[in-house]
Amino acid sequence: MLCHPPVGRATHQAVVKLSKRTLTTSSTNAAALALLSSHRIHLLFGANTDVGKSIVSTGLVRAAALDAVSSSNDSQHRPLVNYIKPLQCGGSDESFVLRHRDGQTDDNSIHCQTLFSWETPASPHLASRWENLPVSDEQVVSALTSSLNDITVGTDVERGMATTIVETAGGALSPSSSSPRNPSSIQSTNSKGAAHWGWSTQADLYSPLKLPVVFVGDGKLGGISVTLSSLEALWNRGYQVDAVVFIDGESERSSDETEIIQFGKGNAEALREYISMQQQQQHRMEHDNEETIIYLPALPPMPIPLDDWYESNDEAFMNLHRLLCRKWLKRDLENVLGNW
């Protein structure tokens, strides 16, 4: 099943042309990216570091690539699938994504980019200071917007809708990279004489893009609070959260030894209850919480490979991929019709 719009091809092409014309005539307005029906883009935020953002990003990229393969045997006529990591500190998440692509896809089926990277495995605001490689908020947003524009311009409507997953760093309120060009910079030095470069939170950094979110909650004991706090931070900044994913982080036996308590599953159930209560007061997420809030089983202990885990959860990721396609197209069609 491909992510084609629920409208005729002629109408779809008209929508795409209108959206591209909007982007061309206002190329500096990053918010215009949200109108591109030929290119689905989702930001991927997490409640914290090490909750499984790269795991979920990879699962969604795998699903999109498999969906594209099913559409055509010719790689030149398949929908484009893209993964972008704007800020990378130590290691390579893009290598992880490519290493765990499905065997049915080839090397050209997934396109990955890392925009800015540092060798130090630390928060971007520290890595950029320690390595004396500043990157400002403006540079990050400009580079990301340019990459997304390039993908959009290269998308042929006849191929079907392109997919791009943009994975953020750390948690929703984790620091971005530091730079003396950031508005929050303090014109002073620390005890070692180094300039105090300013930084923004991840949530503030990407808010000008107005892109919808896939959120990875904390599936461990105590994860409900940090998950809700992060979601509230995103909602308060105007983000539309399309789905929340929990990966079970740990489990233990109940006091009477009769059952195993799965904290990730319990955290997902708690969030469904919270959303249902909040919906009576204000709109947070769509009412069908069984689809939008999902739970995945725990990862195998290292050094067991993840191949079997991904294969056993490919259906769940495919269902999530298709849900995100439907939400994007529904919102996009509403936006475009509103402009006509």
C-alpha atoms as a PDB file:
ATOM      1  CA  MET A   1       0.000   0.000   0.000  1.00  0.00           C
ATOM      2  CA  LEU A   2       1.522   3.302  -1.096  1.00  0.00           C
ATOM      3  CA  CYS A   3       0.997   6.679   0.493  1.00  0.00           C
ATOM      4  CA  HIS A   4      -0.896   8.206  -2.419  1.00  0.00           C
ATOM      5  CA  PRO A   5      -3.469  10.881  -1.634  1.00  0.00           C
ATOM      6  CA  PRO A   6      -7.152   9.920  -1.462  1.00  0.00           C
ATOM      7  CA  VAL A   7      -7.846  12.109  -4.495  1.00  0.00           C
ATOM      8  CA  GLY A   8      -7.465  11.789  -8.270  1.00  0.00           C
ATOM      9  CA  ARG A   9      -4.017  12.055  -9.853  1.00  0.00           C
ATOM     10  CA  ALA A  10      -4.824  15.374 -11.551  1.00  0.00           C
ATOM     11  CA  THR A  11      -5.893  16.910  -8.251  1.00  0.00           C
ATOM     12  CA  HIS A  12      -2.800  15.538  -6.533  1.00  0.00           C
ATOM     13  CA  GLN A  13      -0.551  17.088  -9.176  1.00  0.00           C
ATOM     14  CA  ALA A  14      -2.321  20.430  -8.813  1.00  0.00           C
ATOM     15  CA  VAL A  15      -1.808  20.346  -5.047  1.00  0.00           C
ATOM     16  CA  VAL A  16       1.887  19.559  -5.473  1.00  0.00           C
ATOM     17  CA  LYS A  17       2.384  22.356  -8.037  1.00  0.00           C
ATOM     18  CA  LEU A  18       0.649  24.871  -5.791  1.00  0.00           C
ATOM     19  CA  SER A  19       2.769  23.798  -2.811  1.00  0.00           C
ATOM     20  CA  LYS A  20       6.024  23.957  -4.769  1.00  0.00           C
ATOM     21  CA  ARG A  21       5.102  27.402  -6.099  1.00  0.00           C
ATOM     22  CA  THR A  22       4.522  28.536  -2.504  1.00  0.00           C
ATOM     23  CA  LEU A  23       7.971  27.255  -1.521  1.00  0.00           C
ATOM     24  CA  THR A  24       9.682  28.812  -4.538  1.00  0.00           C
ATOM     25  CA  THR A  25       8.203  32.253  -3.987  1.00  0.00           C
ATOM     26  CA  SER A  26       9.017  32.191  -0.282  1.00  0.00           C
ATOM     27  CA  SER A  27      12.126  30.045  -0.021  1.00  0.00           C
ATOM     28  CA  THR A  28      13.195  31.557   3.304  1.00  0.00           C
ATOM     29  CA  ASN A  29       9.941  30.595   4.982  1.00  0.00           C
ATOM     30  CA  ALA A  30      10.637  27.154   6.431  1.00  0.00           C
ATOM     31  CA  ALA A  31       7.012  26.767   7.492  1.00  0.00           C
ATOM     32  CA  ALA A  32       6.050  26.409   3.818  1.00  0.00           C
ATOM     33  CA  LEU A  33       7.611  22.942   3.892  1.00  0.00           C
ATOM     34  CA  ALA A  34       4.590  21.717   5.818  1.00  0.00           C
ATOM     35  CA  LEU A  35       2.428  22.198   2.705  1.00  0.00           C
ATOM     36  CA  LEU A  36       4.283  19.811   0.432  1.00  0.00           C
ATOM     37  CA  SER A  37       2.012  16.872  -0.290  1.00  0.00           C
ATOM     38  CA  SER A  38       4.699  15.198  -2.400  1.00  0.00           C
ATOM     39  CA  HIS A  39       7.081  15.038   0.568  1.00  0.00           C
ATOM     40  CA  ARG A  40       6.122  13.803   4.039  1.00  0.00           C
ATOM     41  CA  ILE A  41       8.440  15.035   6.784  1.00  0.00           C
ATOM     42  CA  HIS A  42       8.316  14.099  10.467  1.00  0.00           C
ATOM     43  CA  LEU A  43      10.543  15.277  13.274  1.00  0.00           C
ATOM     44  CA  LEU A  44      11.425  12.555  15.743  1.00  0.00           C
ATOM     45  CA  PHE A  45      11.797  13.717  19.353  1.00  0.00           C
ATOM     46  CA  GLY A  46      12.460  11.672  22.475  1.00  0.00           C
ATOM     47  CA  ALA A  47      11.730  12.019  26.164  1.00  0.00           C
ATOM     48  CA  ASN A  48      15.431  11.627  26.905  1.00  0.00           C
ATOM     49  CA  THR A  49      18.691  10.219  25.655  1.00  0.00           C
ATOM     50  CA  ASP A  50      18.713   6.450  25.206  1.00  0.00           C
ATOM     51  CA  VAL A  51      14.941   5.935  24.921  1.00  0.00           C
ATOM     52  CA  GLY A  52      15.234   4.464  21.404  1.00  0.00           C
ATOM     53  CA  LYS A  53      14.997   7.381  18.956  1.00  0.00           C
ATOM     54  CA  SER A  54      17.397   5.786  16.469  1.00  0.00           C
ATOM     55  CA  ILE A  55      15.640   2.429  16.893  1.00  0.00           C
ATOM     56  CA  VAL A  56      12.276   3.985  15.986  1.00  0.00           C
ATOM     57  CA  SER A  57      13.754   6.144  13.208  1.00  0.00           C
ATOM     58  CA  THR A  58      15.245   3.017  11.660  1.00  0.00           C
ATOM     59  CA  GLY A  59      11.956   1.127  11.964  1.00  0.00           C
ATOM     60  CA  LEU A  60      10.070   3.922  10.185  1.00  0.00           C
ATOM     61  CA  VAL A  61      12.713   4.229   7.471  1.00  0.00           C
ATOM     62  CA  ARG A  62      12.621   0.442   6.954  1.00  0.00           C
ATOM     63  CA  ALA A  63       8.835   0.560   6.621  1.00  0.00           C
ATOM     64  CA  ALA A  64       8.918   3.452   4.136  1.00  0.00           C
ATOM     65  CA  ALA A  65      11.612   1.707   2.065  1.00  0.00           C
ATOM     66  CA  LEU A  66       9.679  -1.581   2.027  1.00  0.00           C
ATOM     67  CA  ASP A  67       6.556   0.311   1.003  1.00  0.00           C
ATOM     68  CA  ALA A  68       8.535   1.928  -1.824  1.00  0.00           C
ATOM     69  CA  VAL A  69       9.935  -1.428  -2.998  1.00  0.00           C
ATOM     70  CA  SER A  70       6.416  -2.847  -3.186  1.00  0.00           C
ATOM     71  CA  SER A  71       5.458  -0.029  -5.571  1.00  0.00           C
ATOM     72  CA  SER A  72       8.051  -0.757  -8.251  1.00  0.00           C
ATOM     73  CA  ASN A  73      10.878  -3.128  -9.110  1.00  0.00           C
ATOM     74  CA  ASP A  74      12.731  -0.209 -10.661  1.00  0.00           C
ATOM     75  CA  SER A  75      14.576   1.836  -8.040  1.00  0.00           C
ATOM     76  CA  GLN A  76      14.442   4.866 -10.352  1.00  0.00           C
ATOM     77  CA  HIS A  77      10.647   4.952 -10.070  1.00  0.00           C
ATOM     78  CA  ARG A  78      10.195   4.393  -6.329  1.00  0.00           C
ATOM     79  CA  PRO A  79       9.244   7.029  -3.759  1.00  0.00           C
ATOM     80  CA  LEU A  80      12.306   8.546  -2.102  1.00  0.00           C
ATOM     81  CA  VAL A  81      13.102   7.576   1.501  1.00  0.00           C
ATOM     82  CA  ASN A  82      15.374   9.837   3.541  1.00  0.00           C
ATOM     83  CA  TYR A  83      16.895  10.031   7.015  1.00  0.00           C
ATOM     84  CA  ILE A  84      18.476  13.236   8.337  1.00  0.00           C
ATOM     85  CA  LYS A  85      20.401  13.684  11.577  1.00  0.00           C
ATOM     86  CA  PRO A  86      21.048  17.435  11.992  1.00  0.00           C
ATOM     87  CA  LEU A  87      23.328  17.169  15.052  1.00  0.00           C
ATOM     88  CA  GLN A  88      25.537  14.140  15.760  1.00  0.00           C
ATOM     89  CA  CYS A  89      27.908  13.864  18.717  1.00  0.00           C
ATOM     90  CA  GLY A  90      30.099  10.774  18.579  1.00  0.00           C
ATOM     91  CA  GLY A  91      29.235   7.643  16.590  1.00  0.00           C
ATOM     92  CA  SER A  92      26.963   7.657  13.557  1.00  0.00           C
ATOM     93  CA  ASP A  93      23.207   7.148  13.710  1.00  0.00           C
ATOM     94  CA  GLU A  94      23.058   7.264   9.919  1.00  0.00           C
ATOM     95  CA  SER A  95      25.340   4.196   9.810  1.00  0.00           C
ATOM     96  CA  PHE A  96      22.998   2.454  12.256  1.00  0.00           C
ATOM     97  CA  VAL A  97      20.020   3.159   9.986  1.00  0.00           C
ATOM     98  CA  LEU A  98      21.766   1.822   6.902  1.00  0.00           C
ATOM     99  CA  ARG A  99      23.107  -1.214   8.738  1.00  0.00           C
ATOM    100  CA  HIS A 100      19.604  -2.259   9.787  1.00  0.00           C
ATOM    101  CA  ARG A 101      17.731  -1.671   6.544  1.00  0.00           C
ATOM    102  CA  ASP A 102      15.634  -4.614   5.387  1.00  0.00           C
ATOM    103  CA  GLY A 103      17.260  -7.187   3.109  1.00  0.00           C
ATOM    104  CA  GLN A 104      14.657  -6.542   0.409  1.00  0.00           C
ATOM    105  CA  THR A 105      15.982  -3.013  -0.063  1.00  0.00           C
ATOM    106  CA  ASP A 106      19.234  -2.037  -1.784  1.00  0.00           C
ATOM    107  CA  ASP A 107      21.901   0.551  -1.017  1.00  0.00           C
ATOM    108  CA  ASN A 108      20.090   3.174  -3.098  1.00  0.00           C
ATOM    109  CA  SER A 109      16.727   2.764  -1.386  1.00  0.00           C
ATOM    110  CA  ILE A 110      17.539   4.937   1.649  1.00  0.00           C
ATOM    111  CA  HIS A 111      19.341   8.282   1.532  1.00  0.00           C
ATOM    112  CA  CYS A 112      20.977   9.427   4.789  1.00  0.00           C
ATOM    113  CA  GLN A 113      22.529  12.743   5.788  1.00  0.00           C
ATOM    114  CA  THR A 114      24.324  14.041   8.873  1.00  0.00           C
ATOM    115  CA  LEU A 115      24.426  17.834   8.761  1.00  0.00           C
ATOM    116  CA  PHE A 116      26.787  18.728  11.632  1.00  0.00           C
ATOM    117  CA  SER A 117      28.922  16.368  13.688  1.00  0.00           C
ATOM    118  CA  TRP A 118      31.447  16.381  16.514  1.00  0.00           C
ATOM    119  CA  GLU A 119      33.693  13.573  17.703  1.00  0.00           C
ATOM    120  CA  THR A 120      32.925  14.029  21.413  1.00  0.00           C
ATOM    121  CA  PRO A 121      30.059  11.811  22.673  1.00  0.00           C
ATOM    122  CA  ALA A 122      28.416  14.560  24.719  1.00  0.00           C
ATOM    123  CA  SER A 123      25.613  17.091  24.499  1.00  0.00           C
ATOM    124  CA  PRO A 124      25.908  19.267  21.356  1.00  0.00           C
ATOM    125  CA  HIS A 125      26.289  22.453  23.413  1.00  0.00           C
ATOM    126  CA  LEU A 126      29.365  20.964  25.114  1.00  0.00           C
ATOM    127  CA  ALA A 127      30.858  19.122  22.132  1.00  0.00           C
ATOM    128  CA  SER A 128      30.750  22.267  19.995  1.00  0.00           C
ATOM    129  CA  ARG A 129      32.493  24.283  22.742  1.00  0.00           C
ATOM    130  CA  TRP A 130      35.132  21.686  23.578  1.00  0.00           C
ATOM    131  CA  GLU A 131      36.054  21.165  19.922  1.00  0.00           C
ATOM    132  CA  ASN A 132      35.806  24.890  19.153  1.00  0.00           C
ATOM    133  CA  LEU A 133      33.364  24.171  16.325  1.00  0.00           C
ATOM    134  CA  PRO A 134      30.391  26.473  16.874  1.00  0.00           C
ATOM    135  CA  VAL A 135      27.131  25.943  14.986  1.00  0.00           C
ATOM    136  CA  SER A 136      24.343  28.477  15.446  1.00  0.00           C
ATOM    137  CA  ASP A 137      20.600  27.870  15.467  1.00  0.00           C
ATOM    138  CA  GLU A 138      20.349  29.765  12.189  1.00  0.00           C
ATOM    139  CA  GLN A 139      22.942  27.503  10.573  1.00  0.00           C
ATOM    140  CA  VAL A 140      21.134  24.345  11.695  1.00  0.00           C
ATOM    141  CA  VAL A 141      17.695  25.468  10.530  1.00  0.00           C
ATOM    142  CA  SER A 142      19.089  26.833   7.258  1.00  0.00           C
ATOM    143  CA  ALA A 143      21.003  23.622   6.475  1.00  0.00           C
ATOM    144  CA  LEU A 144      18.026  21.430   7.339  1.00  0.00           C
ATOM    145  CA  THR A 145      15.638  23.570   5.302  1.00  0.00           C
ATOM    146  CA  SER A 146      18.010  23.421   2.337  1.00  0.00           C
ATOM    147  CA  SER A 147      18.255  19.613   2.556  1.00  0.00           C
ATOM    148  CA  LEU A 148      14.480  19.252   2.764  1.00  0.00           C
ATOM    149  CA  ASN A 149      14.025  21.649  -0.149  1.00  0.00           C
ATOM    150  CA  ASP A 150      16.477  19.635  -2.253  1.00  0.00           C
ATOM    151  CA  ILE A 151      14.532  16.441  -1.551  1.00  0.00           C
ATOM    152  CA  THR A 152      11.256  18.159  -2.414  1.00  0.00           C
ATOM    153  CA  VAL A 153      12.560  19.627  -5.669  1.00  0.00           C
ATOM    154  CA  GLY A 154      13.874  16.199  -6.656  1.00  0.00           C
ATOM    155  CA  THR A 155      10.567  14.483  -5.929  1.00  0.00           C
ATOM    156  CA  ASP A 156       8.517  13.418  -8.944  1.00  0.00           C
ATOM    157  CA  VAL A 157       4.818  13.138  -8.131  1.00  0.00           C
ATOM    158  CA  GLU A 158       4.597  10.114 -10.419  1.00  0.00           C
ATOM    159  CA  ARG A 159       6.909   8.215  -8.047  1.00  0.00           C
ATOM    160  CA  GLY A 160       4.636   8.694  -5.053  1.00  0.00           C
ATOM    161  CA  MET A 161       5.208  10.633  -1.878  1.00  0.00           C
ATOM    162  CA  ALA A 162       8.755  10.949  -0.528  1.00  0.00           C
ATOM    163  CA  THR A 163       9.370  10.285   3.157  1.00  0.00           C
ATOM    164  CA  THR A 164      11.915  12.009   5.400  1.00  0.00           C
ATOM    165  CA  ILE A 165      12.554  11.275   9.075  1.00  0.00           C
ATOM    166  CA  VAL A 166      14.518  13.982  10.914  1.00  0.00           C
ATOM    167  CA  GLU A 167      15.941  12.660  14.181  1.00  0.00           C
ATOM    168  CA  THR A 168      16.702  15.222  16.889  1.00  0.00           C
ATOM    169  CA  ALA A 169      19.413  14.870  19.566  1.00  0.00           C
ATOM    170  CA  GLY A 170      18.824  13.852  23.182  1.00  0.00           C
ATOM    171  CA  GLY A 171      15.506  14.800  24.760  1.00  0.00           C
ATOM    172  CA  ALA A 172      12.972  17.428  23.729  1.00  0.00           C
ATOM    173  CA  LEU A 173      14.579  20.026  26.009  1.00  0.00           C
ATOM    174  CA  SER A 174      18.176  18.883  25.559  1.00  0.00           C
ATOM    175  CA  PRO A 175      20.596  21.579  24.351  1.00  0.00           C
ATOM    176  CA  SER A 176      21.363  22.216  20.717  1.00  0.00           C
ATOM    177  CA  SER A 177      24.840  23.216  19.539  1.00  0.00           C
ATOM    178  CA  SER A 178      26.506  26.317  20.958  1.00  0.00           C
ATOM    179  CA  SER A 179      27.585  29.415  19.098  1.00  0.00           C
ATOM    180  CA  PRO A 180      28.479  33.030  19.894  1.00  0.00           C
ATOM    181  CA  ARG A 181      25.966  33.917  17.156  1.00  0.00           C
ATOM    182  CA  ASN A 182      23.021  32.537  19.128  1.00  0.00           C
ATOM    183  CA  PRO A 183      20.800  35.171  20.777  1.00  0.00           C
ATOM    184  CA  SER A 184      21.241  33.546  24.197  1.00  0.00           C
ATOM    185  CA  SER A 185      25.031  33.987  24.199  1.00  0.00           C
ATOM    186  CA  ILE A 186      26.511  35.690  27.222  1.00  0.00           C
ATOM    187  CA  GLN A 187      29.375  38.079  26.564  1.00  0.00           C
ATOM    188  CA  SER A 188      31.573  36.683  29.302  1.00  0.00           C
ATOM    189  CA  THR A 189      34.092  33.913  29.793  1.00  0.00           C
ATOM    190  CA  ASN A 190      34.213  30.929  32.057  1.00  0.00           C
ATOM    191  CA  SER A 191      36.971  30.117  34.553  1.00  0.00           C
ATOM    192  CA  LYS A 192      39.168  28.713  31.767  1.00  0.00           C
ATOM    193  CA  GLY A 193      38.855  31.814  29.627  1.00  0.00           C
ATOM    194  CA  ALA A 194      36.593  30.220  27.019  1.00  0.00           C
ATOM    195  CA  ALA A 195      33.677  32.195  25.598  1.00  0.00           C
ATOM    196  CA  HIS A 196      30.245  31.263  26.902  1.00  0.00           C
ATOM    197  CA  TRP A 197      28.400  30.410  23.714  1.00  0.00           C
ATOM    198  CA  GLY A 198      24.611  30.365  23.854  1.00  0.00           C
ATOM    199  CA  TRP A 199      22.289  27.519  22.874  1.00  0.00           C
ATOM    200  CA  SER A 200      18.606  26.691  22.467  1.00  0.00           C
ATOM    201  CA  THR A 201      16.653  23.595  23.411  1.00  0.00           C
ATOM    202  CA  GLN A 202      15.926  21.046  20.698  1.00  0.00           C
ATOM    203  CA  ALA A 203      12.227  21.936  20.881  1.00  0.00           C
ATOM    204  CA  ASP A 204      12.916  25.651  20.392  1.00  0.00           C
ATOM    205  CA  LEU A 205      15.486  25.038  17.648  1.00  0.00           C
ATOM    206  CA  TYR A 206      13.091  23.256  15.290  1.00  0.00           C
ATOM    207  CA  SER A 207       9.851  25.061  16.128  1.00  0.00           C
ATOM    208  CA  PRO A 208      10.106  27.496  13.151  1.00  0.00           C
ATOM    209  CA  LEU A 209       9.752  24.520  10.783  1.00  0.00           C
ATOM    210  CA  LYS A 210       6.188  23.782  11.945  1.00  0.00           C
ATOM    211  CA  LEU A 211       6.633  20.076  11.247  1.00  0.00           C
ATOM    212  CA  PRO A 212       4.641  17.253  12.888  1.00  0.00           C
ATOM    213  CA  VAL A 213       6.280  14.976  15.428  1.00  0.00           C
ATOM    214  CA  VAL A 214       6.765  11.311  16.203  1.00  0.00           C
ATOM    215  CA  PHE A 215       7.662  11.122  19.883  1.00  0.00           C
ATOM    216  CA  VAL A 216       9.542   8.314  21.634  1.00  0.00           C
ATOM    217  CA  GLY A 217       8.469   8.009  25.249  1.00  0.00           C
ATOM    218  CA  ASP A 218      10.466   6.592  28.148  1.00  0.00           C
ATOM    219  CA  GLY A 219       9.617   2.919  28.622  1.00  0.00           C
ATOM    220  CA  LYS A 220      11.353   2.522  31.966  1.00  0.00           C
ATOM    221  CA  LEU A 221      10.131   2.742  35.560  1.00  0.00           C
ATOM    222  CA  GLY A 222       9.642   6.441  36.277  1.00  0.00           C
ATOM    223  CA  GLY A 223       9.259   7.220  32.593  1.00  0.00           C
ATOM    224  CA  ILE A 224       5.700   8.566  32.803  1.00  0.00           C
ATOM    225  CA  SER A 225       6.743  11.884  34.334  1.00  0.00           C
ATOM    226  CA  VAL A 226       9.564  12.652  31.897  1.00  0.00           C
ATOM    227  CA  THR A 227       7.355  11.588  28.980  1.00  0.00           C
ATOM    228  CA  LEU A 228       4.486  13.874  30.006  1.00  0.00           C
ATOM    229  CA  SER A 229       6.857  16.762  30.771  1.00  0.00           C
ATOM    230  CA  SER A 230       8.455  16.485  27.345  1.00  0.00           C
ATOM    231  CA  LEU A 231       5.115  16.221  25.556  1.00  0.00           C
ATOM    232  CA  GLU A 232       3.797  19.285  27.401  1.00  0.00           C
ATOM    233  CA  ALA A 233       6.938  21.171  26.339  1.00  0.00           C
ATOM    234  CA  LEU A 234       6.286  20.261  22.693  1.00  0.00           C
ATOM    235  CA  TRP A 235       2.557  21.046  22.841  1.00  0.00           C
ATOM    236  CA  ASN A 236       3.230  24.400  24.496  1.00  0.00           C
ATOM    237  CA  ARG A 237       5.519  25.294  21.606  1.00  0.00           C
ATOM    238  CA  GLY A 238       2.839  24.498  19.038  1.00  0.00           C
ATOM    239  CA  TYR A 239       4.006  21.083  17.852  1.00  0.00           C
ATOM    240  CA  GLN A 240       1.484  18.588  16.475  1.00  0.00           C
ATOM    241  CA  VAL A 241       2.377  15.163  17.902  1.00  0.00           C
ATOM    242  CA  ASP A 242       1.091  12.524  15.494  1.00  0.00           C
ATOM    243  CA  ALA A 243       2.223   9.421  17.383  1.00  0.00           C
ATOM    244  CA  VAL A 244       3.997   8.273  20.544  1.00  0.00           C
ATOM    245  CA  VAL A 245       6.094   5.094  20.675  1.00  0.00           C
ATOM    246  CA  PHE A 246       7.265   3.285  23.800  1.00  0.00           C
ATOM    247  CA  ILE A 247       9.951   0.594  23.743  1.00  0.00           C
ATOM    248  CA  ASP A 248       9.873  -1.526  26.880  1.00  0.00           C
ATOM    249  CA  GLY A 249      12.976  -0.661  28.849  1.00  0.00           C
ATOM    250  CA  GLU A 250      12.705  -3.114  31.696  1.00  0.00           C
ATOM    251  CA  SER A 251      10.323  -5.440  33.513  1.00  0.00           C
ATOM    252  CA  GLU A 252      10.063  -7.211  36.842  1.00  0.00           C
ATOM    253  CA  ARG A 253       7.856  -9.715  38.591  1.00  0.00           C
ATOM    254  CA  SER A 254       4.953  -8.583  40.756  1.00  0.00           C
ATOM    255  CA  SER A 255       5.243  -8.974  44.524  1.00  0.00           C
ATOM    256  CA  ASP A 256       3.234 -12.198  44.456  1.00  0.00           C
ATOM    257  CA  GLU A 257       5.332 -13.543  41.531  1.00  0.00           C
ATOM    258  CA  THR A 258       2.176 -14.179  39.477  1.00  0.00           C
ATOM    259  CA  GLU A 259       2.869 -11.771  36.596  1.00  0.00           C
ATOM    260  CA  ILE A 260       5.596  -9.800  34.885  1.00  0.00           C
ATOM    261  CA  ILE A 261       5.225  -6.024  35.048  1.00  0.00           C
ATOM    262  CA  GLN A 262       6.152  -4.409  31.719  1.00  0.00           C
ATOM    263  CA  PHE A 263       6.883  -0.763  32.456  1.00  0.00           C
ATOM    264  CA  GLY A 264       6.878   0.358  28.824  1.00  0.00           C
ATOM    265  CA  LYS A 265       3.432  -1.112  28.270  1.00  0.00           C
ATOM    266  CA  GLY A 266       2.201   0.408  31.528  1.00  0.00           C
ATOM    267  CA  ASN A 267       3.598   3.826  30.570  1.00  0.00           C
ATOM    268  CA  ALA A 268       1.782   3.653  27.222  1.00  0.00           C
ATOM    269  CA  GLU A 269      -1.484   2.811  28.986  1.00  0.00           C
ATOM    270  CA  ALA A 270      -0.964   5.668  31.442  1.00  0.00           C
ATOM    271  CA  LEU A 271      -0.426   8.121  28.569  1.00  0.00           C
ATOM    272  CA  ARG A 272      -3.626   6.933  26.872  1.00  0.00           C
ATOM    273  CA  GLU A 273      -5.525   7.644  30.084  1.00  0.00           C
ATOM    274  CA  TYR A 274      -3.896  11.061  30.441  1.00  0.00           C
ATOM    275  CA  ILE A 275      -4.689  12.033  26.848  1.00  0.00           C
ATOM    276  CA  SER A 276      -8.304  10.906  27.250  1.00  0.00           C
ATOM    277  CA  MET A 277      -8.694  13.095  30.329  1.00  0.00           C
ATOM    278  CA  GLN A 278      -7.015  16.081  28.678  1.00  0.00           C
ATOM    279  CA  GLN A 279      -9.193  15.847  25.578  1.00  0.00           C
ATOM    280  CA  GLN A 280     -12.147  16.988  27.645  1.00  0.00           C
ATOM    281  CA  GLN A 281     -10.362  20.308  28.189  1.00  0.00           C
ATOM    282  CA  GLN A 282      -8.163  20.859  25.158  1.00  0.00           C
ATOM    283  CA  HIS A 283      -7.074  19.132  21.953  1.00  0.00           C
ATOM    284  CA  ARG A 284      -3.842  17.192  22.383  1.00  0.00           C
ATOM    285  CA  MET A 285      -3.861  14.151  20.122  1.00  0.00           C
ATOM    286  CA  GLU A 286      -6.454  12.313  18.101  1.00  0.00           C
ATOM    287  CA  HIS A 287      -8.926  10.293  20.118  1.00  0.00           C
ATOM    288  CA  ASP A 288      -7.892   6.903  18.716  1.00  0.00           C
ATOM    289  CA  ASN A 289      -5.082   6.396  21.207  1.00  0.00           C
ATOM    290  CA  GLU A 290      -4.685   2.710  20.355  1.00  0.00           C
ATOM    291  CA  GLU A 291      -3.270   3.762  16.980  1.00  0.00           C
ATOM    292  CA  THR A 292      -1.381   6.876  17.994  1.00  0.00           C
ATOM    293  CA  ILE A 293       0.207   5.549  21.205  1.00  0.00           C
ATOM    294  CA  ILE A 294       1.948   2.245  20.609  1.00  0.00           C
ATOM    295  CA  TYR A 295       4.117  -0.113  22.615  1.00  0.00           C
ATOM    296  CA  LEU A 296       6.984  -2.249  21.350  1.00  0.00           C
ATOM    297  CA  PRO A 297       8.679  -5.109  23.232  1.00  0.00           C
ATOM    298  CA  ALA A 298      12.093  -4.769  24.819  1.00  0.00           C
ATOM    299  CA  LEU A 299      15.228  -4.944  22.715  1.00  0.00           C
ATOM    300  CA  PRO A 300      17.376  -8.070  23.034  1.00  0.00           C
ATOM    301  CA  PRO A 301      20.374  -7.726  25.378  1.00  0.00           C
ATOM    302  CA  MET A 302      23.660  -6.810  23.755  1.00  0.00           C
ATOM    303  CA  PRO A 303      25.477  -8.173  21.838  1.00  0.00           C
ATOM    304  CA  ILE A 304      22.494 -10.000  20.289  1.00  0.00           C
ATOM    305  CA  PRO A 305      21.819  -8.492  16.813  1.00  0.00           C
ATOM    306  CA  LEU A 306      18.602  -6.543  16.240  1.00  0.00           C
ATOM    307  CA  ASP A 307      17.666  -8.273  12.977  1.00  0.00           C
ATOM    308  CA  ASP A 308      15.110 -10.629  14.539  1.00  0.00           C
ATOM    309  CA  TRP A 309      13.646  -7.833  16.686  1.00  0.00           C
ATOM    310  CA  TYR A 310      13.069  -5.653  13.626  1.00  0.00           C
ATOM    311  CA  GLU A 311      11.575  -8.508  11.623  1.00  0.00           C
ATOM    312  CA  SER A 312       9.125  -9.325  14.416  1.00  0.00           C
ATOM    313  CA  ASN A 313       8.066  -5.655  14.649  1.00  0.00           C
ATOM    314  CA  ASP A 314       8.050  -4.741  10.938  1.00  0.00           C
ATOM    315  CA  GLU A 315       4.250  -4.930  10.833  1.00  0.00           C
ATOM    316  CA  ALA A 316       3.927  -2.502  13.739  1.00  0.00           C
ATOM    317  CA  PHE A 317       6.285  -0.058  12.044  1.00  0.00           C
ATOM    318  CA  MET A 318       4.443  -0.439   8.724  1.00  0.00           C
ATOM    319  CA  ASN A 319       1.133   0.343  10.432  1.00  0.00           C
ATOM    320  CA  LEU A 320       2.707   3.401  12.037  1.00  0.00           C
ATOM    321  CA  HIS A 321       4.207   4.498   8.705  1.00  0.00           C
ATOM    322  CA  ARG A 322       0.797   4.312   7.029  1.00  0.00           C
ATOM    323  CA  LEU A 323      -0.862   6.141   9.920  1.00  0.00           C
ATOM    324  CA  LEU A 324       1.649   8.977   9.577  1.00  0.00           C
ATOM    325  CA  CYS A 325       1.029   9.106   5.816  1.00  0.00           C
ATOM    326  CA  ARG A 326      -2.721   9.404   6.359  1.00  0.00           C
ATOM    327  CA  LYS A 327      -2.319  12.153   8.942  1.00  0.00           C
ATOM    328  CA  TRP A 328       0.105  14.098   6.749  1.00  0.00           C
ATOM    329  CA  LEU A 329      -2.135  13.919   3.710  1.00  0.00           C
ATOM    330  CA  LYS A 330      -5.268  14.809   5.668  1.00  0.00           C
ATOM    331  CA  ARG A 331      -3.600  17.860   7.209  1.00  0.00           C
ATOM    332  CA  ASP A 332      -1.933  18.834   3.935  1.00  0.00           C
ATOM    333  CA  LEU A 333      -5.172  18.638   1.982  1.00  0.00           C
ATOM    334  CA  GLU A 334      -6.946  20.760   4.589  1.00  0.00           C
ATOM    335  CA  ASN A 335      -4.164  23.368   4.406  1.00  0.00           C
ATOM    336  CA  VAL A 336      -4.110  23.535   0.633  1.00  0.00           C
ATOM    337  CA  LEU A 337      -7.892  23.654   0.269  1.00  0.00           C
ATOM    338  CA  GLY A 338      -7.916  26.428   2.851  1.00  0.00           C
ATOM    339  CA  ASN A 339      -5.576  28.445   0.620  1.00  0.00           C
ATOM    340  CA  TRP A 340      -7.648  27.976  -2.532  1.00  0.00           C
END
